[in-house]
């Protein structure tokens, strides 16, 4: 993700959630978002629909709904020193349908889990907007995987999810 450029990042793997925990298990309303972030920042919550393809592992996605803007504070030095990371919670009211994904629209974030540039997040370097057509995800690179603001602790664990 280019510095200062707004992009959409879709959670494609829910950390520590077995059996497809990144997909909404049923149609309903998301009431709370929890996250662990390395430092302060903000993003707009988005709901995305993803079409999978087995052809070269490509994916196409579109955003179906925007949620609220979330402002988070991240960790303190005390959290880093003891590896006892602060989980922040935000009350929201965002409709979601079974099989849809959480996404964020941001210029930079420390609220992601991205291990080794794998397929655990889908990054669209040009932000997706609600009502748009499906767009093919560009090939991931290390530069697009985990763009984050500087953090005082590179060991910080970052993740976003729904309780």
C-alpha atoms as a PDB file:
ATOM      1  CA  UNK A   1       0.000   0.000   0.000  1.00  0.00           C
ATOM      2  CA  UNK A   2       1.514   3.293  -1.033  1.00  0.00           C
ATOM      3  CA  UNK A   3       1.996   5.792   1.822  1.00  0.00           C
ATOM      4  CA  UNK A   4      -1.042   8.037   2.172  1.00  0.00           C
ATOM      5  CA  UNK A   5      -3.101   6.100  -0.377  1.00  0.00           C
ATOM      6  CA  UNK A   6      -6.460   4.761   0.808  1.00  0.00           C
ATOM      7  CA  UNK A   7      -6.949   1.045   0.313  1.00  0.00           C
ATOM      8  CA  UNK A   8      -9.372  -1.708   1.332  1.00  0.00           C
ATOM      9  CA  UNK A   9      -8.025  -4.662   3.293  1.00  0.00           C
ATOM     10  CA  UNK A  10     -10.239  -7.740   3.706  1.00  0.00           C
ATOM     11  CA  UNK A  11      -9.692 -10.193   6.549  1.00  0.00           C
ATOM     12  CA  UNK A  12      -9.178 -13.502   4.764  1.00  0.00           C
ATOM     13  CA  UNK A  13      -8.070 -15.520   7.780  1.00  0.00           C
ATOM     14  CA  UNK A  14      -9.433 -15.184  11.297  1.00  0.00           C
ATOM     15  CA  UNK A  15      -6.556 -15.719  13.663  1.00  0.00           C
ATOM     16  CA  UNK A  16      -7.185 -18.440  16.254  1.00  0.00           C
ATOM     17  CA  UNK A  17     -10.657 -19.121  14.828  1.00  0.00           C
ATOM     18  CA  UNK A  18     -10.991 -22.601  13.328  1.00  0.00           C
ATOM     19  CA  UNK A  19     -13.077 -23.643  10.338  1.00  0.00           C
ATOM     20  CA  UNK A  20     -13.582 -20.454   8.374  1.00  0.00           C
ATOM     21  CA  UNK A  21     -13.981 -18.020  11.255  1.00  0.00           C
ATOM     22  CA  UNK A  22     -13.335 -15.129   8.862  1.00  0.00           C
ATOM     23  CA  UNK A  23     -16.787 -15.630   7.280  1.00  0.00           C
ATOM     24  CA  UNK A  24     -19.947 -14.349   8.891  1.00  0.00           C
ATOM     25  CA  UNK A  25     -21.559 -17.571  10.206  1.00  0.00           C
ATOM     26  CA  UNK A  26     -25.093 -16.213   9.825  1.00  0.00           C
ATOM     27  CA  UNK A  27     -27.070 -13.189   8.688  1.00  0.00           C
ATOM     28  CA  UNK A  28     -27.513 -10.597  11.411  1.00  0.00           C
ATOM     29  CA  UNK A  29     -26.042  -7.439  12.871  1.00  0.00           C
ATOM     30  CA  UNK A  30     -22.494  -6.997  14.160  1.00  0.00           C
ATOM     31  CA  UNK A  31     -22.809  -5.378  17.577  1.00  0.00           C
ATOM     32  CA  UNK A  32     -19.160  -5.191  18.693  1.00  0.00           C
ATOM     33  CA  UNK A  33     -15.745  -5.085  17.047  1.00  0.00           C
ATOM     34  CA  UNK A  34     -12.659  -6.038  19.034  1.00  0.00           C
ATOM     35  CA  UNK A  35      -9.096  -5.379  17.958  1.00  0.00           C
ATOM     36  CA  UNK A  36      -5.484  -5.450  19.068  1.00  0.00           C
ATOM     37  CA  UNK A  37      -3.328  -2.773  17.465  1.00  0.00           C
ATOM     38  CA  UNK A  38       0.341  -1.956  17.781  1.00  0.00           C
ATOM     39  CA  UNK A  39      -0.256   1.801  17.813  1.00  0.00           C
ATOM     40  CA  UNK A  40      -2.949   4.445  17.370  1.00  0.00           C
ATOM     41  CA  UNK A  41      -4.922   4.852  14.152  1.00  0.00           C
ATOM     42  CA  UNK A  42      -8.293   4.693  12.491  1.00  0.00           C
ATOM     43  CA  UNK A  43     -10.187   2.907   9.730  1.00  0.00           C
ATOM     44  CA  UNK A  44     -13.643   2.716   8.234  1.00  0.00           C
ATOM     45  CA  UNK A  45     -15.228  -0.667   8.830  1.00  0.00           C
ATOM     46  CA  UNK A  46     -16.497  -2.258   5.606  1.00  0.00           C
ATOM     47  CA  UNK A  47     -18.410  -5.429   4.763  1.00  0.00           C
ATOM     48  CA  UNK A  48     -17.155  -7.304   1.707  1.00  0.00           C
ATOM     49  CA  UNK A  49     -18.254 -10.145  -0.531  1.00  0.00           C
ATOM     50  CA  UNK A  50     -15.483 -12.348  -1.983  1.00  0.00           C
ATOM     51  CA  UNK A  51     -15.653 -14.656  -5.010  1.00  0.00           C
ATOM     52  CA  UNK A  52     -13.027 -17.364  -4.804  1.00  0.00           C
ATOM     53  CA  UNK A  53     -11.243 -18.806  -7.785  1.00  0.00           C
ATOM     54  CA  UNK A  54      -9.019 -21.860  -7.842  1.00  0.00           C
ATOM     55  CA  UNK A  55      -7.359 -20.557 -10.991  1.00  0.00           C
ATOM     56  CA  UNK A  56      -3.961 -19.362  -9.737  1.00  0.00           C
ATOM     57  CA  UNK A  57      -5.518 -18.549  -6.348  1.00  0.00           C
ATOM     58  CA  UNK A  58      -7.117 -15.339  -7.559  1.00  0.00           C
ATOM     59  CA  UNK A  59      -9.924 -13.664  -5.654  1.00  0.00           C
ATOM     60  CA  UNK A  60     -12.424 -11.004  -6.623  1.00  0.00           C
ATOM     61  CA  UNK A  61     -14.165  -8.835  -4.077  1.00  0.00           C
ATOM     62  CA  UNK A  62     -16.563  -5.973  -3.677  1.00  0.00           C
ATOM     63  CA  UNK A  63     -17.675  -3.902  -0.718  1.00  0.00           C
ATOM     64  CA  UNK A  64     -21.386  -4.102  -0.007  1.00  0.00           C
ATOM     65  CA  UNK A  65     -21.602  -1.741   2.956  1.00  0.00           C
ATOM     66  CA  UNK A  66     -19.650   0.872   4.871  1.00  0.00           C
ATOM     67  CA  UNK A  67     -19.729   0.878   8.648  1.00  0.00           C
ATOM     68  CA  UNK A  68     -18.538   3.485  11.112  1.00  0.00           C
ATOM     69  CA  UNK A  69     -15.072   4.986  11.391  1.00  0.00           C
ATOM     70  CA  UNK A  70     -13.190   3.336  14.269  1.00  0.00           C
ATOM     71  CA  UNK A  71     -10.501   5.304  16.135  1.00  0.00           C
ATOM     72  CA  UNK A  72      -8.223   3.100  18.241  1.00  0.00           C
ATOM     73  CA  UNK A  73      -5.398   3.919  20.649  1.00  0.00           C
ATOM     74  CA  UNK A  74      -3.181   0.828  20.350  1.00  0.00           C
ATOM     75  CA  UNK A  75      -0.682  -0.364  22.936  1.00  0.00           C
ATOM     76  CA  UNK A  76       1.290   1.354  25.665  1.00  0.00           C
ATOM     77  CA  UNK A  77       4.892   0.662  26.639  1.00  0.00           C
ATOM     78  CA  UNK A  78       3.603  -1.315  29.634  1.00  0.00           C
ATOM     79  CA  UNK A  79       1.671  -3.626  27.298  1.00  0.00           C
ATOM     80  CA  UNK A  80       4.777  -4.229  25.183  1.00  0.00           C
ATOM     81  CA  UNK A  81       7.041  -4.934  28.130  1.00  0.00           C
ATOM     82  CA  UNK A  82       4.773  -7.628  29.534  1.00  0.00           C
ATOM     83  CA  UNK A  83       3.384  -8.958  26.219  1.00  0.00           C
ATOM     84  CA  UNK A  84      -0.063  -8.478  27.727  1.00  0.00           C
ATOM     85  CA  UNK A  85      -1.741  -6.758  24.798  1.00  0.00           C
ATOM     86  CA  UNK A  86      -4.738  -4.481  25.280  1.00  0.00           C
ATOM     87  CA  UNK A  87      -7.888  -5.565  23.420  1.00  0.00           C
ATOM     88  CA  UNK A  88     -10.021  -2.585  22.422  1.00  0.00           C
ATOM     89  CA  UNK A  89     -13.797  -2.953  21.945  1.00  0.00           C
ATOM     90  CA  UNK A  90     -16.147  -0.761  19.928  1.00  0.00           C
ATOM     91  CA  UNK A  91     -19.925  -0.929  19.852  1.00  0.00           C
ATOM     92  CA  UNK A  92     -21.276  -0.871  16.305  1.00  0.00           C
ATOM     93  CA  UNK A  93     -24.473  -1.755  14.485  1.00  0.00           C
ATOM     94  CA  UNK A  94     -23.581  -3.103  11.060  1.00  0.00           C
ATOM     95  CA  UNK A  95     -25.783  -5.532   9.090  1.00  0.00           C
ATOM     96  CA  UNK A  96     -23.980  -8.525   7.597  1.00  0.00           C
ATOM     97  CA  UNK A  97     -25.081 -11.577   5.593  1.00  0.00           C
ATOM     98  CA  UNK A  98     -23.879 -15.129   6.004  1.00  0.00           C
ATOM     99  CA  UNK A  99     -20.594 -15.654   4.136  1.00  0.00           C
ATOM    100  CA  UNK A 100     -19.527 -11.990   4.054  1.00  0.00           C
ATOM    101  CA  UNK A 101     -16.199 -10.675   5.335  1.00  0.00           C
ATOM    102  CA  UNK A 102     -14.943  -7.855   7.542  1.00  0.00           C
ATOM    103  CA  UNK A 103     -12.811  -5.283   5.754  1.00  0.00           C
ATOM    104  CA  UNK A 104     -11.225  -1.954   6.575  1.00  0.00           C
ATOM    105  CA  UNK A 105     -10.672   1.155   4.490  1.00  0.00           C
ATOM    106  CA  UNK A 106      -7.559   3.000   5.604  1.00  0.00           C
ATOM    107  CA  UNK A 107      -4.280   4.623   4.600  1.00  0.00           C
ATOM    108  CA  UNK A 108      -2.215   2.706   7.186  1.00  0.00           C
ATOM    109  CA  UNK A 109      -2.938   0.448  10.125  1.00  0.00           C
ATOM    110  CA  UNK A 110      -1.326  -1.542  12.900  1.00  0.00           C
ATOM    111  CA  UNK A 111      -4.525  -3.555  13.469  1.00  0.00           C
ATOM    112  CA  UNK A 112      -3.768  -6.452  11.104  1.00  0.00           C
ATOM    113  CA  UNK A 113      -2.374  -9.923  11.421  1.00  0.00           C
ATOM    114  CA  UNK A 114      -0.188 -10.630   8.421  1.00  0.00           C
ATOM    115  CA  UNK A 115       2.234 -13.528   8.619  1.00  0.00           C
ATOM    116  CA  UNK A 116       4.895 -13.737   5.951  1.00  0.00           C
ATOM    117  CA  UNK A 117       2.951 -12.129   3.123  1.00  0.00           C
ATOM    118  CA  UNK A 118       0.518 -15.020   2.855  1.00  0.00           C
ATOM    119  CA  UNK A 119      -3.076 -14.935   1.739  1.00  0.00           C
ATOM    120  CA  UNK A 120      -4.433 -14.045   5.192  1.00  0.00           C
ATOM    121  CA  UNK A 121      -5.459 -10.567   4.051  1.00  0.00           C
ATOM    122  CA  UNK A 122      -6.667  -9.364   0.672  1.00  0.00           C
ATOM    123  CA  UNK A 123      -5.331  -5.886  -0.077  1.00  0.00           C
ATOM    124  CA  UNK A 124      -6.868  -3.652  -2.732  1.00  0.00           C
ATOM    125  CA  UNK A 125      -4.478  -0.745  -3.207  1.00  0.00           C
ATOM    126  CA  UNK A 126      -7.321   1.344  -4.580  1.00  0.00           C
ATOM    127  CA  UNK A 127     -10.146   1.413  -2.030  1.00  0.00           C
ATOM    128  CA  UNK A 128     -13.339  -0.502  -2.806  1.00  0.00           C
ATOM    129  CA  UNK A 129     -16.602   1.421  -2.494  1.00  0.00           C
ATOM    130  CA  UNK A 130     -20.092   0.102  -1.739  1.00  0.00           C
ATOM    131  CA  UNK A 131     -22.096  -0.688  -4.863  1.00  0.00           C
ATOM    132  CA  UNK A 132     -19.041  -1.229  -7.043  1.00  0.00           C
ATOM    133  CA  UNK A 133     -18.401  -4.262  -9.209  1.00  0.00           C
ATOM    134  CA  UNK A 134     -16.245  -7.210  -8.211  1.00  0.00           C
ATOM    135  CA  UNK A 135     -12.561  -6.366  -8.586  1.00  0.00           C
ATOM    136  CA  UNK A 136      -9.682  -8.768  -8.950  1.00  0.00           C
ATOM    137  CA  UNK A 137      -7.050  -8.511  -6.264  1.00  0.00           C
ATOM    138  CA  UNK A 138      -3.593  -7.571  -7.498  1.00  0.00           C
ATOM    139  CA  UNK A 139      -0.761  -9.992  -6.741  1.00  0.00           C
ATOM    140  CA  UNK A 140       0.330  -9.445  -3.119  1.00  0.00           C
ATOM    141  CA  UNK A 141       3.791  -8.175  -2.353  1.00  0.00           C
ATOM    142  CA  UNK A 142       5.580  -7.560   0.911  1.00  0.00           C
ATOM    143  CA  UNK A 143       4.922  -3.833   0.425  1.00  0.00           C
ATOM    144  CA  UNK A 144       1.150  -4.300   0.159  1.00  0.00           C
ATOM    145  CA  UNK A 145       0.844  -6.871   2.908  1.00  0.00           C
ATOM    146  CA  UNK A 146       1.418  -5.066   6.159  1.00  0.00           C
ATOM    147  CA  UNK A 147       1.744  -1.362   5.736  1.00  0.00           C
ATOM    148  CA  UNK A 148       1.606   0.068   9.213  1.00  0.00           C
ATOM    149  CA  UNK A 149       2.565   3.245  10.991  1.00  0.00           C
ATOM    150  CA  UNK A 150       5.811   3.027  12.946  1.00  0.00           C
ATOM    151  CA  UNK A 151       5.419   1.181  16.226  1.00  0.00           C
ATOM    152  CA  UNK A 152       7.742   1.259  19.178  1.00  0.00           C
ATOM    153  CA  UNK A 153       7.584  -2.546  19.319  1.00  0.00           C
ATOM    154  CA  UNK A 154       7.835  -4.699  16.194  1.00  0.00           C
ATOM    155  CA  UNK A 155       6.694  -7.724  18.242  1.00  0.00           C
ATOM    156  CA  UNK A 156       3.219  -6.274  18.669  1.00  0.00           C
ATOM    157  CA  UNK A 157       0.464  -8.698  17.767  1.00  0.00           C
ATOM    158  CA  UNK A 158      -2.302  -7.169  15.668  1.00  0.00           C
ATOM    159  CA  UNK A 159      -5.692  -8.604  14.781  1.00  0.00           C
ATOM    160  CA  UNK A 160      -9.274  -7.546  14.189  1.00  0.00           C
ATOM    161  CA  UNK A 161     -12.378  -9.587  14.749  1.00  0.00           C
ATOM    162  CA  UNK A 162     -15.880  -9.940  16.003  1.00  0.00           C
ATOM    163  CA  UNK A 163     -16.544 -11.550  19.410  1.00  0.00           C
END
